[in-house]
């Protein structure tokens, strides 16, 4: 969170709503550890990363929805190591990401 805190504070100072996605659990291999974060502003700007690219677009959609609805959610993304290699992805295993709108 420290690496994106300045950006999130700037967005909030501008009056933007922001969603935060945090990796809360990892199973098997994953490019980012628990605690990795990605923030999305209501203008669609992004700071940070939860997967190094494997599921960023899907997390972006969840974060955008959380901004609009205020509804937090726990989402799970997984792909087998063999399928990941076939697709040229660096990730395998499963990550669990908690997505929430920041209301501070």
PDB file of N, CA and C in Angstrom:
ATOM      1  N   UNK A   1       0.831  -1.200   0.000  1.00  0.00           N
ATOM      2  CA  UNK A   1       0.000   0.000   0.000  1.00  0.00           C
ATOM      3  C   UNK A   1       0.864   1.248   0.000  1.00  0.00           C
ATOM      4  N   UNK A   2       2.004   1.195   0.650  1.00  0.00           N
ATOM      5  CA  UNK A   2       2.867   2.368   0.748  1.00  0.00           C
ATOM      6  C   UNK A   2       3.218   2.920  -0.630  1.00  0.00           C
ATOM      7  N   UNK A   3       3.478   2.023  -1.598  1.00  0.00           N
ATOM      8  CA  UNK A   3       3.909   2.484  -2.921  1.00  0.00           C
ATOM      9  C   UNK A   3       2.827   3.232  -3.691  1.00  0.00           C
ATOM     10  N   UNK A   4       1.563   3.059  -3.323  1.00  0.00           N
ATOM     11  CA  UNK A   4       0.494   3.757  -4.042  1.00  0.00           C
ATOM     12  C   UNK A   4      -0.226   4.795  -3.180  1.00  0.00           C
ATOM     13  N   UNK A   5       0.182   4.922  -1.930  1.00  0.00           N
ATOM     14  CA  UNK A   5      -0.532   5.796  -0.996  1.00  0.00           C
ATOM     15  C   UNK A   5      -0.575   7.247  -1.472  1.00  0.00           C
ATOM     16  N   UNK A   6       0.532   7.776  -1.963  1.00  0.00           N
ATOM     17  CA  UNK A   6       0.541   9.164  -2.440  1.00  0.00           C
ATOM     18  C   UNK A   6      -0.459   9.366  -3.580  1.00  0.00           C
ATOM     19  N   UNK A   7      -0.517   8.406  -4.487  1.00  0.00           N
ATOM     20  CA  UNK A   7      -1.444   8.507  -5.609  1.00  0.00           C
ATOM     21  C   UNK A   7      -2.886   8.467  -5.127  1.00  0.00           C
ATOM     22  N   UNK A   8      -3.199   7.538  -4.233  1.00  0.00           N
ATOM     23  CA  UNK A   8      -4.558   7.432  -3.702  1.00  0.00           C
ATOM     24  C   UNK A   8      -4.944   8.709  -2.959  1.00  0.00           C
ATOM     25  N   UNK A   9      -4.034   9.241  -2.160  1.00  0.00           N
ATOM     26  CA  UNK A   9      -4.325  10.482  -1.438  1.00  0.00           C
ATOM     27  C   UNK A   9      -4.570  11.643  -2.402  1.00  0.00           C
ATOM     28  N   UNK A  10      -3.817  11.689  -3.497  1.00  0.00           N
ATOM     29  CA  UNK A  10      -4.022  12.744  -4.493  1.00  0.00           C
ATOM     30  C   UNK A  10      -5.396  12.617  -5.139  1.00  0.00           C
ATOM     31  N   UNK A  11      -5.751  11.392  -5.533  1.00  0.00           N
ATOM     32  CA  UNK A  11      -7.075  11.179  -6.127  1.00  0.00           C
ATOM     33  C   UNK A  11      -8.179  11.598  -5.170  1.00  0.00           C
ATOM     34  N   UNK A  12      -8.043  11.218  -3.910  1.00  0.00           N
ATOM     35  CA  UNK A  12      -9.057  11.564  -2.908  1.00  0.00           C
ATOM     36  C   UNK A  12      -9.107  13.078  -2.703  1.00  0.00           C
ATOM     37  N   UNK A  13      -7.955  13.746  -2.694  1.00  0.00           N
ATOM     38  CA  UNK A  13      -7.917  15.205  -2.547  1.00  0.00           C
ATOM     39  C   UNK A  13      -8.594  15.893  -3.729  1.00  0.00           C
ATOM     40  N   UNK A  14      -8.584  15.252  -4.889  1.00  0.00           N
ATOM     41  CA  UNK A  14      -9.263  15.774  -6.077  1.00  0.00           C
ATOM     42  C   UNK A  14     -10.765  15.505  -6.036  1.00  0.00           C
ATOM     43  N   UNK A  15     -11.216  14.794  -5.014  1.00  0.00           N
ATOM     44  CA  UNK A  15     -12.630  14.483  -4.881  1.00  0.00           C
ATOM     45  C   UNK A  15     -13.076  13.226  -5.604  1.00  0.00           C
ATOM     46  N   UNK A  16     -12.115  12.436  -6.091  1.00  0.00           N
ATOM     47  CA  UNK A  16     -12.465  11.213  -6.805  1.00  0.00           C
ATOM     48  C   UNK A  16     -12.781  10.077  -5.838  1.00  0.00           C
ATOM     49  N   UNK A  17     -13.694   9.220  -6.249  1.00  0.00           N
ATOM     50  CA  UNK A  17     -13.910   7.975  -5.530  1.00  0.00           C
ATOM     51  C   UNK A  17     -12.847   6.981  -6.006  1.00  0.00           C
ATOM     52  N   UNK A  18     -12.461   6.103  -5.104  1.00  0.00           N
ATOM     53  CA  UNK A  18     -11.363   5.173  -5.371  1.00  0.00           C
ATOM     54  C   UNK A  18     -11.722   3.798  -4.835  1.00  0.00           C
ATOM     55  N   UNK A  19     -11.325   2.767  -5.561  1.00  0.00           N
ATOM     56  CA  UNK A  19     -11.448   1.392  -5.071  1.00  0.00           C
ATOM     57  C   UNK A  19     -10.055   0.820  -4.891  1.00  0.00           C
ATOM     58  N   UNK A  20      -9.938  -0.046  -3.905  1.00  0.00           N
ATOM     59  CA  UNK A  20      -8.677  -0.693  -3.598  1.00  0.00           C
ATOM     60  C   UNK A  20      -8.866  -2.204  -3.699  1.00  0.00           C
ATOM     61  N   UNK A  21      -7.968  -2.862  -4.422  1.00  0.00           N
ATOM     62  CA  UNK A  21      -7.965  -4.317  -4.537  1.00  0.00           C
ATOM     63  C   UNK A  21      -6.703  -4.824  -3.849  1.00  0.00           C
ATOM     64  N   UNK A  22      -6.870  -5.764  -2.920  1.00  0.00           N
ATOM     65  CA  UNK A  22      -5.746  -6.274  -2.135  1.00  0.00           C
ATOM     66  C   UNK A  22      -5.692  -7.793  -2.219  1.00  0.00           C
ATOM     67  N   UNK A  23      -4.525  -8.326  -2.555  1.00  0.00           N
ATOM     68  CA  UNK A  23      -4.336  -9.775  -2.531  1.00  0.00           C
ATOM     69  C   UNK A  23      -4.355 -10.206  -1.069  1.00  0.00           C
ATOM     70  N   UNK A  24      -5.304 -11.069  -0.716  1.00  0.00           N
ATOM     71  CA  UNK A  24      -5.421 -11.504   0.674  1.00  0.00           C
ATOM     72  C   UNK A  24      -4.957 -12.950   0.876  1.00  0.00           C
ATOM     73  N   UNK A  25      -4.848 -13.706  -0.215  1.00  0.00           N
ATOM     74  CA  UNK A  25      -4.409 -15.103  -0.097  1.00  0.00           C
ATOM     75  C   UNK A  25      -3.902 -15.575  -1.441  1.00  0.00           C
ATOM     76  N   UNK A  26      -2.867 -16.414  -1.405  1.00  0.00           N
ATOM     77  CA  UNK A  26      -2.280 -16.997  -2.610  1.00  0.00           C
ATOM     78  C   UNK A  26      -2.169 -18.497  -2.397  1.00  0.00           C
ATOM     79  N   UNK A  27      -2.522 -19.257  -3.421  1.00  0.00           N
ATOM     80  CA  UNK A  27      -2.343 -20.707  -3.403  1.00  0.00           C
ATOM     81  C   UNK A  27      -1.442 -21.089  -4.562  1.00  0.00           C
ATOM     82  N   UNK A  28      -0.473 -21.919  -4.302  1.00  0.00           N
ATOM     83  CA  UNK A  28       0.526 -22.349  -5.274  1.00  0.00           C
ATOM     84  C   UNK A  28       1.336 -21.140  -5.734  1.00  0.00           C
ATOM     85  N   UNK A  29       1.644 -21.058  -7.014  1.00  0.00           N
ATOM     86  CA  UNK A  29       2.494 -19.970  -7.488  1.00  0.00           C
ATOM     87  C   UNK A  29       1.666 -18.764  -7.912  1.00  0.00           C
ATOM     88  N   UNK A  30       2.211 -17.596  -7.662  1.00  0.00           N
ATOM     89  CA  UNK A  30       1.572 -16.339  -8.066  1.00  0.00           C
ATOM     90  C   UNK A  30       2.654 -15.275  -8.140  1.00  0.00           C
ATOM     91  N   UNK A  31       2.508 -14.312  -9.045  1.00  0.00           N
ATOM     92  CA  UNK A  31       3.554 -13.295  -9.198  1.00  0.00           C
ATOM     93  C   UNK A  31       3.606 -12.279  -8.063  1.00  0.00           C
ATOM     94  N   UNK A  32       2.527 -12.112  -7.308  1.00  0.00           N
ATOM     95  CA  UNK A  32       2.505 -11.134  -6.219  1.00  0.00           C
ATOM     96  C   UNK A  32       2.052 -11.828  -4.939  1.00  0.00           C
ATOM     97  N   UNK A  33       2.588 -11.403  -3.827  1.00  0.00           N
ATOM     98  CA  UNK A  33       2.270 -11.983  -2.529  1.00  0.00           C
ATOM     99  C   UNK A  33       1.061 -11.314  -1.897  1.00  0.00           C
ATOM    100  N   UNK A  34       0.497 -11.940  -0.857  1.00  0.00           N
ATOM    101  CA  UNK A  34      -0.559 -11.266  -0.099  1.00  0.00           C
ATOM    102  C   UNK A  34      -0.080  -9.883   0.356  1.00  0.00           C
ATOM    103  N   UNK A  35      -0.981  -8.932   0.285  1.00  0.00           N
ATOM    104  CA  UNK A  35      -0.643  -7.549   0.610  1.00  0.00           C
ATOM    105  C   UNK A  35      -0.425  -6.688  -0.620  1.00  0.00           C
ATOM    106  N   UNK A  36      -0.226  -7.307  -1.782  1.00  0.00           N
ATOM    107  CA  UNK A  36      -0.081  -6.533  -3.019  1.00  0.00           C
ATOM    108  C   UNK A  36      -1.396  -5.801  -3.285  1.00  0.00           C
ATOM    109  N   UNK A  37      -1.301  -4.557  -3.745  1.00  0.00           N
ATOM    110  CA  UNK A  37      -2.502  -3.746  -3.935  1.00  0.00           C
ATOM    111  C   UNK A  37      -2.523  -3.070  -5.303  1.00  0.00           C
ATOM    112  N   UNK A  38      -3.758  -2.807  -5.740  1.00  0.00           N
ATOM    113  CA  UNK A  38      -4.004  -2.034  -6.946  1.00  0.00           C
ATOM    114  C   UNK A  38      -5.153  -1.083  -6.630  1.00  0.00           C
ATOM    115  N   UNK A  39      -4.983   0.179  -6.961  1.00  0.00           N
ATOM    116  CA  UNK A  39      -6.048   1.162  -6.767  1.00  0.00           C
ATOM    117  C   UNK A  39      -6.560   1.609  -8.125  1.00  0.00           C
ATOM    118  N   UNK A  40      -7.860   1.894  -8.176  1.00  0.00           N
ATOM    119  CA  UNK A  40      -8.497   2.370  -9.399  1.00  0.00           C
ATOM    120  C   UNK A  40      -9.309   3.608  -9.037  1.00  0.00           C
ATOM    121  N   UNK A  41      -9.127   4.675  -9.805  1.00  0.00           N
ATOM    122  CA  UNK A  41      -9.895   5.897  -9.569  1.00  0.00           C
ATOM    123  C   UNK A  41     -11.157   5.870 -10.423  1.00  0.00           C
ATOM    124  N   UNK A  42     -12.116   6.717 -10.072  1.00  0.00           N
ATOM    125  CA  UNK A  42     -13.344   6.760 -10.862  1.00  0.00           C
ATOM    126  C   UNK A  42     -13.109   7.280 -12.271  1.00  0.00           C
ATOM    127  N   UNK A  43     -11.971   7.927 -12.525  1.00  0.00           N
ATOM    128  CA  UNK A  43     -11.617   8.348 -13.888  1.00  0.00           C
ATOM    129  C   UNK A  43     -10.951   7.233 -14.675  1.00  0.00           C
ATOM    130  N   UNK A  44     -10.746   6.079 -14.010  1.00  0.00           N
ATOM    131  CA  UNK A  44     -10.161   4.939 -14.699  1.00  0.00           C
ATOM    132  C   UNK A  44      -8.656   4.833 -14.583  1.00  0.00           C
ATOM    133  N   UNK A  45      -8.037   5.675 -13.781  1.00  0.00           N
ATOM    134  CA  UNK A  45      -6.600   5.591 -13.579  1.00  0.00           C
ATOM    135  C   UNK A  45      -6.284   4.416 -12.661  1.00  0.00           C
ATOM    136  N   UNK A  46      -5.095   3.839 -12.833  1.00  0.00           N
ATOM    137  CA  UNK A  46      -4.685   2.677 -12.055  1.00  0.00           C
ATOM    138  C   UNK A  46      -3.316   2.930 -11.444  1.00  0.00           C
ATOM    139  N   UNK A  47      -3.155   2.473 -10.201  1.00  0.00           N
ATOM    140  CA  UNK A  47      -1.856   2.498  -9.529  1.00  0.00           C
ATOM    141  C   UNK A  47      -1.654   1.145  -8.870  1.00  0.00           C
ATOM    142  N   UNK A  48      -0.472   0.606  -8.967  1.00  0.00           N
ATOM    143  CA  UNK A  48      -0.166  -0.672  -8.344  1.00  0.00           C
ATOM    144  C   UNK A  48      -0.560  -1.855  -9.205  1.00  0.00           C
ATOM    145  N   UNK A  49      -0.397  -3.050  -8.622  1.00  0.00           N
ATOM    146  CA  UNK A  49      -0.665  -4.289  -9.348  1.00  0.00           C
ATOM    147  C   UNK A  49      -0.959  -5.411  -8.357  1.00  0.00           C
ATOM    148  N   UNK A  50      -1.870  -6.297  -8.739  1.00  0.00           N
ATOM    149  CA  UNK A  50      -2.150  -7.461  -7.905  1.00  0.00           C
ATOM    150  C   UNK A  50      -1.650  -8.758  -8.528  1.00  0.00           C
ATOM    151  N   UNK A  51      -1.280  -8.720  -9.809  1.00  0.00           N
ATOM    152  CA  UNK A  51      -0.883  -9.975 -10.449  1.00  0.00           C
ATOM    153  C   UNK A  51       0.223  -9.837 -11.479  1.00  0.00           C
ATOM    154  N   UNK A  52       0.750  -8.678 -11.656  1.00  0.00           N
ATOM    155  CA  UNK A  52       1.767  -8.528 -12.677  1.00  0.00           C
ATOM    156  C   UNK A  52       1.209  -8.631 -14.086  1.00  0.00           C
ATOM    157  N   UNK A  53      -0.108  -8.528 -14.239  1.00  0.00           N
ATOM    158  CA  UNK A  53      -0.716  -8.512 -15.563  1.00  0.00           C
ATOM    159  C   UNK A  53      -1.694  -9.627 -15.854  1.00  0.00           C
ATOM    160  N   UNK A  54      -1.600 -10.746 -15.157  1.00  0.00           N
ATOM    161  CA  UNK A  54      -2.436 -11.909 -15.486  1.00  0.00           C
ATOM    162  C   UNK A  54      -3.925 -11.631 -15.364  1.00  0.00           C
ATOM    163  N   UNK A  55      -4.342 -10.936 -14.315  1.00  0.00           N
ATOM    164  CA  UNK A  55      -5.775 -10.706 -14.098  1.00  0.00           C
ATOM    165  C   UNK A  55      -6.107  -9.232 -13.865  1.00  0.00           C
ATOM    166  N   UNK A  56      -5.201  -8.360 -14.206  1.00  0.00           N
ATOM    167  CA  UNK A  56      -5.408  -6.936 -13.933  1.00  0.00           C
ATOM    168  C   UNK A  56      -6.709  -6.406 -14.546  1.00  0.00           C
ATOM    169  N   UNK A  57      -7.024  -6.815 -15.759  1.00  0.00           N
ATOM    170  CA  UNK A  57      -8.236  -6.300 -16.414  1.00  0.00           C
ATOM    171  C   UNK A  57      -9.492  -6.723 -15.670  1.00  0.00           C
ATOM    172  N   UNK A  58      -9.532  -7.960 -15.208  1.00  0.00           N
ATOM    173  CA  UNK A  58     -10.697  -8.429 -14.459  1.00  0.00           C
ATOM    174  C   UNK A  58     -10.816  -7.716 -13.116  1.00  0.00           C
ATOM    175  N   UNK A  59      -9.697  -7.495 -12.445  1.00  0.00           N
ATOM    176  CA  UNK A  59      -9.707  -6.772 -11.168  1.00  0.00           C
ATOM    177  C   UNK A  59     -10.129  -5.327 -11.397  1.00  0.00           C
ATOM    178  N   UNK A  60      -9.682  -4.729 -12.490  1.00  0.00           N
ATOM    179  CA  UNK A  60     -10.085  -3.365 -12.840  1.00  0.00           C
ATOM    180  C   UNK A  60     -11.611  -3.274 -12.947  1.00  0.00           C
ATOM    181  N   UNK A  61     -12.232  -4.247 -13.609  1.00  0.00           N
ATOM    182  CA  UNK A  61     -13.695  -4.259 -13.751  1.00  0.00           C
ATOM    183  C   UNK A  61     -14.374  -4.375 -12.390  1.00  0.00           C
ATOM    184  N   UNK A  62     -13.859  -5.239 -11.530  1.00  0.00           N
ATOM    185  CA  UNK A  62     -14.432  -5.393 -10.183  1.00  0.00           C
ATOM    186  C   UNK A  62     -14.289  -4.095  -9.392  1.00  0.00           C
ATOM    187  N   UNK A  63     -13.136  -3.458  -9.504  1.00  0.00           N
ATOM    188  CA  UNK A  63     -12.899  -2.207  -8.784  1.00  0.00           C
ATOM    189  C   UNK A  63     -13.816  -1.103  -9.302  1.00  0.00           C
ATOM    190  N   UNK A  64     -13.989  -1.029 -10.601  1.00  0.00           N
ATOM    191  CA  UNK A  64     -14.890  -0.026 -11.178  1.00  0.00           C
ATOM    192  C   UNK A  64     -16.313  -0.228 -10.688  1.00  0.00           C
ATOM    193  N   UNK A  65     -16.746  -1.484 -10.607  1.00  0.00           N
ATOM    194  CA  UNK A  65     -18.084  -1.767 -10.096  1.00  0.00           C
ATOM    195  C   UNK A  65     -18.195  -1.396  -8.616  1.00  0.00           C
ATOM    196  N   UNK A  66     -17.157  -1.682  -7.859  1.00  0.00           N
ATOM    197  CA  UNK A  66     -17.175  -1.340  -6.430  1.00  0.00           C
ATOM    198  C   UNK A  66     -17.258   0.172  -6.232  1.00  0.00           C
ATOM    199  N   UNK A  67     -16.610   0.936  -7.097  1.00  0.00           N
ATOM    200  CA  UNK A  67     -16.709   2.397  -7.012  1.00  0.00           C
ATOM    201  C   UNK A  67     -18.159   2.823  -7.184  1.00  0.00           C
ATOM    202  N   UNK A  68     -18.824   2.252  -8.165  1.00  0.00           N
ATOM    203  CA  UNK A  68     -20.203   2.640  -8.455  1.00  0.00           C
ATOM    204  C   UNK A  68     -21.224   2.154  -7.447  1.00  0.00           C
ATOM    205  N   UNK A  69     -21.032   0.936  -6.956  1.00  0.00           N
ATOM    206  CA  UNK A  69     -22.045   0.341  -6.075  1.00  0.00           C
ATOM    207  C   UNK A  69     -21.722   0.468  -4.593  1.00  0.00           C
ATOM    208  N   UNK A  70     -20.437   0.614  -4.277  1.00  0.00           N
ATOM    209  CA  UNK A  70     -20.027   0.621  -2.876  1.00  0.00           C
ATOM    210  C   UNK A  70     -19.984  -0.766  -2.264  1.00  0.00           C
ATOM    211  N   UNK A  71     -20.258  -1.792  -3.065  1.00  0.00           N
ATOM    212  CA  UNK A  71     -20.317  -3.166  -2.566  1.00  0.00           C
ATOM    213  C   UNK A  71     -18.931  -3.817  -2.602  1.00  0.00           C
ATOM    214  N   UNK A  72     -18.384  -4.175  -1.433  1.00  0.00           N
ATOM    215  CA  UNK A  72     -17.108  -4.899  -1.423  1.00  0.00           C
ATOM    216  C   UNK A  72     -17.317  -6.342  -1.850  1.00  0.00           C
ATOM    217  N   UNK A  73     -16.255  -6.969  -2.283  1.00  0.00           N
ATOM    218  CA  UNK A  73     -16.360  -8.367  -2.688  1.00  0.00           C
ATOM    219  C   UNK A  73     -15.002  -9.035  -2.610  1.00  0.00           C
ATOM    220  N   UNK A  74     -15.042 -10.356  -2.438  1.00  0.00           N
ATOM    221  CA  UNK A  74     -13.849 -11.188  -2.486  1.00  0.00           C
ATOM    222  C   UNK A  74     -13.924 -11.975  -3.785  1.00  0.00           C
ATOM    223  N   UNK A  75     -12.926 -11.802  -4.639  1.00  0.00           N
ATOM    224  CA  UNK A  75     -12.916 -12.489  -5.927  1.00  0.00           C
ATOM    225  C   UNK A  75     -11.713 -13.415  -5.994  1.00  0.00           C
ATOM    226  N   UNK A  76     -11.869 -14.498  -6.723  1.00  0.00           N
ATOM    227  CA  UNK A  76     -10.821 -15.506  -6.836  1.00  0.00           C
ATOM    228  C   UNK A  76     -10.495 -15.712  -8.300  1.00  0.00           C
ATOM    229  N   UNK A  77      -9.200 -15.749  -8.578  1.00  0.00           N
ATOM    230  CA  UNK A  77      -8.720 -15.982  -9.938  1.00  0.00           C
ATOM    231  C   UNK A  77      -7.718 -17.118  -9.888  1.00  0.00           C
ATOM    232  N   UNK A  78      -7.876 -18.069 -10.779  1.00  0.00           N
ATOM    233  CA  UNK A  78      -6.953 -19.187 -10.798  1.00  0.00           C
ATOM    234  C   UNK A  78      -6.732 -19.698 -12.194  1.00  0.00           C
ATOM    235  N   UNK A  79      -5.548 -20.228 -12.398  1.00  0.00           N
ATOM    236  CA  UNK A  79      -5.201 -20.846 -13.663  1.00  0.00           C
ATOM    237  C   UNK A  79      -4.127 -21.878 -13.370  1.00  0.00           C
ATOM    238  N   UNK A  80      -4.220 -23.021 -14.011  1.00  0.00           N
ATOM    239  CA  UNK A  80      -3.222 -24.062 -13.774  1.00  0.00           C
ATOM    240  C   UNK A  80      -1.875 -23.617 -14.328  1.00  0.00           C
ATOM    241  N   UNK A  81      -0.812 -24.101 -13.709  1.00  0.00           N
ATOM    242  CA  UNK A  81       0.525 -23.752 -14.188  1.00  0.00           C
ATOM    243  C   UNK A  81       0.716 -24.156 -15.643  1.00  0.00           C
ATOM    244  N   UNK A  82       0.213 -25.345 -16.029  1.00  0.00           N
ATOM    245  CA  UNK A  82       0.371 -25.818 -17.413  1.00  0.00           C
ATOM    246  C   UNK A  82      -0.361 -24.898 -18.378  1.00  0.00           C
ATOM    247  N   UNK A  83      -1.599 -24.505 -18.033  1.00  0.00           N
ATOM    248  CA  UNK A  83      -2.364 -23.612 -18.900  1.00  0.00           C
ATOM    249  C   UNK A  83      -1.709 -22.237 -18.958  1.00  0.00           C
ATOM    250  N   UNK A  84      -1.168 -21.790 -17.849  1.00  0.00           N
ATOM    251  CA  UNK A  84      -0.489 -20.490 -17.828  1.00  0.00           C
ATOM    252  C   UNK A  84       0.690 -20.486 -18.790  1.00  0.00           C
ATOM    253  N   UNK A  85       1.462 -21.560 -18.783  1.00  0.00           N
ATOM    254  CA  UNK A  85       2.617 -21.651 -19.674  1.00  0.00           C
ATOM    255  C   UNK A  85       2.162 -21.670 -21.128  1.00  0.00           C
ATOM    256  N   UNK A  86       1.090 -22.420 -21.430  1.00  0.00           N
ATOM    257  CA  UNK A  86       0.554 -22.469 -22.793  1.00  0.00           C
ATOM    258  C   UNK A  86       0.169 -21.075 -23.284  1.00  0.00           C
ATOM    259  N   UNK A  87      -0.394 -20.270 -22.397  1.00  0.00           N
ATOM    260  CA  UNK A  87      -0.859 -18.938 -22.757  1.00  0.00           C
ATOM    261  C   UNK A  87       0.249 -17.889 -22.684  1.00  0.00           C
ATOM    262  N   UNK A  88       1.441 -18.281 -22.255  1.00  0.00           N
ATOM    263  CA  UNK A  88       2.544 -17.347 -22.152  1.00  0.00           C
ATOM    264  C   UNK A  88       2.450 -16.458 -20.929  1.00  0.00           C
ATOM    265  N   UNK A  89       1.691 -16.887 -19.917  1.00  0.00           N
ATOM    266  CA  UNK A  89       1.538 -16.100 -18.703  1.00  0.00           C
ATOM    267  C   UNK A  89       2.599 -16.506 -17.687  1.00  0.00           C
ATOM    268  N   UNK A  90       2.939 -15.568 -16.815  1.00  0.00           N
ATOM    269  CA  UNK A  90       3.935 -15.864 -15.794  1.00  0.00           C
ATOM    270  C   UNK A  90       3.307 -16.403 -14.536  1.00  0.00           C
ATOM    271  N   UNK A  91       1.988 -16.409 -14.451  1.00  0.00           N
ATOM    272  CA  UNK A  91       1.343 -16.806 -13.205  1.00  0.00           C
ATOM    273  C   UNK A  91       0.642 -18.135 -13.345  1.00  0.00           C
ATOM    274  N   UNK A  92       0.512 -18.795 -12.248  1.00  0.00           N
ATOM    275  CA  UNK A  92      -0.271 -20.004 -12.118  1.00  0.00           C
ATOM    276  C   UNK A  92      -0.854 -19.969 -10.719  1.00  0.00           C
ATOM    277  N   UNK A  93      -1.490 -21.010 -10.301  1.00  0.00           N
ATOM    278  CA  UNK A  93      -2.052 -21.012  -8.957  1.00  0.00           C
ATOM    279  C   UNK A  93      -3.311 -20.168  -8.873  1.00  0.00           C
ATOM    280  N   UNK A  94      -3.623 -19.747  -7.662  1.00  0.00           N
ATOM    281  CA  UNK A  94      -4.854 -19.019  -7.390  1.00  0.00           C
ATOM    282  C   UNK A  94      -4.560 -17.821  -6.503  1.00  0.00           C
ATOM    283  N   UNK A  95      -5.201 -16.698  -6.817  1.00  0.00           N
ATOM    284  CA  UNK A  95      -5.110 -15.545  -5.912  1.00  0.00           C
ATOM    285  C   UNK A  95      -6.523 -15.142  -5.502  1.00  0.00           C
ATOM    286  N   UNK A  96      -6.639 -14.712  -4.259  1.00  0.00           N
ATOM    287  CA  UNK A  96      -7.898 -14.217  -3.715  1.00  0.00           C
ATOM    288  C   UNK A  96      -7.697 -12.731  -3.466  1.00  0.00           C
ATOM    289  N   UNK A  97      -8.586 -11.918  -4.027  1.00  0.00           N
ATOM    290  CA  UNK A  97      -8.433 -10.460  -3.991  1.00  0.00           C
ATOM    291  C   UNK A  97      -9.679  -9.839  -3.364  1.00  0.00           C
ATOM    292  N   UNK A  98      -9.467  -9.038  -2.342  1.00  0.00           N
ATOM    293  CA  UNK A  98     -10.574  -8.300  -1.712  1.00  0.00           C
ATOM    294  C   UNK A  98     -10.637  -6.930  -2.358  1.00  0.00           C
ATOM    295  N   UNK A  99     -11.809  -6.575  -2.885  1.00  0.00           N
ATOM    296  CA  UNK A  99     -12.010  -5.296  -3.581  1.00  0.00           C
ATOM    297  C   UNK A  99     -13.012  -4.473  -2.805  1.00  0.00           C
ATOM    298  N   UNK A 100     -12.670  -3.213  -2.526  1.00  0.00           N
ATOM    299  CA  UNK A 100     -13.549  -2.345  -1.755  1.00  0.00           C
ATOM    300  C   UNK A 100     -13.407  -0.893  -2.202  1.00  0.00           C
ATOM    301  N   UNK A 101     -14.490  -0.146  -2.077  1.00  0.00           N
ATOM    302  CA  UNK A 101     -14.427   1.284  -2.313  1.00  0.00           C
ATOM    303  C   UNK A 101     -13.888   1.933  -1.047  1.00  0.00           C
ATOM    304  N   UNK A 102     -12.978   2.869  -1.206  1.00  0.00           N
ATOM    305  CA  UNK A 102     -12.459   3.603  -0.052  1.00  0.00           C
ATOM    306  C   UNK A 102     -13.407   4.734   0.275  1.00  0.00           C
ATOM    307  N   UNK A 103     -13.880   4.761   1.475  1.00  0.00           N
ATOM    308  CA  UNK A 103     -14.812   5.803   1.893  1.00  0.00           C
ATOM    309  C   UNK A 103     -14.222   6.656   2.995  1.00  0.00           C
ATOM    310  N   UNK A 104     -12.946   6.987   2.894  1.00  0.00           N
ATOM    311  CA  UNK A 104     -12.287   7.868   3.846  1.00  0.00           C
ATOM    312  C   UNK A 104     -11.763   9.091   3.146  1.00  0.00           C
TER     313      UNK A 104
END
